[in-house]
Every structure is written in structure tokens, then in C-alpha cells.
Amino acid sequence: MASMTVDTAVEKDNLFIPLIDFSLFLHGTPTEKHSTALALLHGFQQAGFIYLKNHGIPRSQISTVFASSAAFFARPQPQKDSLAWYSPAANRGYTAHGREKVTQLADRADVAALRAAVPDLKESLEIGREGEPGMPNMWPDGFDGAGVAFRDTMLAFFDACKGLHGRVMRAVAVGLGIPEEWFDGFTDGGDNTLRLLHYPEVRPEVFRRADGLEQVRAGEHTDYGSITLLFQDDRGGLQVLSPNGNFIDAAPIPDTIVVNAGDLLARWSNDTIKSTKHRVVEPPPKAGEEVGDVYPARYSVAYFCNPNFDKFIDAIPGTYEETGKKYEGVNSGEYLVRRLAATY
């Protein structure tokens, strides 16, 4: 079978992140479908990251989500504070500037000390599956009609991303040589999180601290779940750790989604798939652009995909038979709550 030519999204410092035309998996010939699945899996295995184009979520829907997100973060602070994030188990609600510190540290005291010294420069809103008993989403629909429209926009987008999650995992299955539907029973519940992110405008000198600590918009970390769908604006700042140990710019490419594998998928795949560290830093100047008095605000939208919370996660067939299982099985929901509890 002829191999597919894969476009390049990032290639530097031994880091190669492919740009994959996902329409060839969704609508291509059997050969194109299989080659695309192999390229997608190879990207996850080598870099932990891929870019997807022709992914099936309309540009107009994404534009509406970004506009709605910006309008939400422009609301008065007391309104946002009334919608506060309230528990790791729910993982729903608004998080103000400096509340969260994403990091690889696990000890809560260590995280608190790091948060106090170098807080992440962002605010966010977490949205989970609607209708979960005792875990309400924190909507602004009680304030005005725009809040009602915001809720409807985000629920529709949540469902669109949930569908793409299932299709990406189908591609992973085809790449691994297991039945295409193998992951369907792990993705149908929609125990995922839609996160809206606002990195406010900031003066350049904020990134040059006298104490030697490195100020970032979001600290280096890996994601916790199976995969993350990341929608970026055009400002940039996302960096991915290369095999050589350097952080490399993962610049925005119009009409693409950045997709990365998380810790639970790495564990699930017996570490044949990588969960790679990444961060958000001082944005690089665009070509011909001089840094002014402030860096503009940056907006992004992340959809964190997880196996259904009631599922037991054990090594995927074909990933452990020769080497043995590196990890004991774990309940998906318990694992993710434990990881979230250390972050806030």
C-alpha cells in the first residue's frame, strides 16, 4: 500500500508535527483512509501532537464561539465571579486570573507556592456535559439574552467537538490495527470539558522578571485525558517540547485544529503514544510587526476529551503483548479528578 505524503505543521529541533487532511479519513478511498489513520497515529507516537485540516467543524461555527467567548470575558468581574468553578469532581465554572497553575507538580503545597510566585496569566470558563446531576454548568443565562445565546452556542459546539473526538479515536483505532469502533463505547458519554481561555493584554516587561523566574501565560504541562482539541486565534504563543529538550513554537495555521494526546491516552497505549509537555509564552512578533506597549489579548478554546468516567482503562490490545503492561488499570473518572484536584 502506497504511503501518503504528509504536510508539515512544525519541523524544528527533531520535532515533527504533521498537518493532516482529515477529510481523507472521513470521505476518502479505503487506501486514503488507512494511510491517513497511520499518519495520525504516527504523529501521536512521535510528537504527541498533530494539526488537522478539513476536520468537519465549520469555520462559521468556530468564529461564533470565539466572538461569544470574548463577549463573556468582557462581562463585569462580579458577574464572572458569581459563576465560579466549584469542585474538581464537577470541573465547571469560571476561574479568575491567577487561580489555576498548570504544572507537572503533584504536591498541592508545591503547586500553591509556584502559583503564588508565578501565576498563570489567564482566566477561563469550564463547561461540561449538560444535565449532570449535582454538577451544573455555570451559565450567564440569568443575566441577559446574550447569556442565553452564549449557552446555546456553547452547547452546540460541545456536541460538535464530541463528534470529532469519536472520529479521531476511530482513526487511532484504524492506525493501531484494531476494530474501527473499538473506542466508541469509551467516547459516547461525552464526559469532556470545553474550556474557553482569555489571556489578557499584557505589557512586554511582565515577561522579563527581575527575580529570574520565567513568567508565562500558561506553565509547562501535559494534558490529563485522552486527546485535546485546541482552537487558536492568530496571536500565537503555544510551544511544544522537542525531543532535544527545547520548547518550539507551534504557530497557528488558519482553519486547523491542534490535537494533542494526553496522559491517560499515553497510559492506555502502554506509552506507545506520547503525552508531550507544552506551554503558552510571550507571543512571537508577527512578520514586520514591532512589539508595542502591550501584547494584545489572546483567546483560545480547548476541548478536553476523556474516556467515559465510568470506564476502566487498561492497556489497548496490541500495545503490550511483547513488552507487558507498564501500568495497572485505572478508573477514568477517578484518575482525572485526582489530577484536577492538585491543579486548583
Foldseek 3Di string as FASTA:
>chain_A
DDADDWDFLDDDPQATATEAACVCLVPNDPVSVLNRLQVLLVNQLRFLKYKYFPLPDDPVLVVVLQVLLVVVVPDDPVLQVVFDDDALLLRFGKFDWLRWAADPDQDLVVLVVCSVVAGAQKIKGKDADDPDPPRHHRFSVVPDPSRVVNVVSVNVVLVVVLVSVLQSQLSNCSSLVHHSCPCVLFRVVRGKMKMKMKRAKFFPCVQVDPVPDGHFNHDKHFAAAAKKWKFWDQQFQKWWQHPVGDTHTSGDDPRMIMMGGGDLNCLQLLNSGDGTIMGGGDTDADVPDDDDRIRHMIIMMMMGGHTPQQDKRFHDPNRAPVPHRPDDIDRGSVRSSSRSVSGD
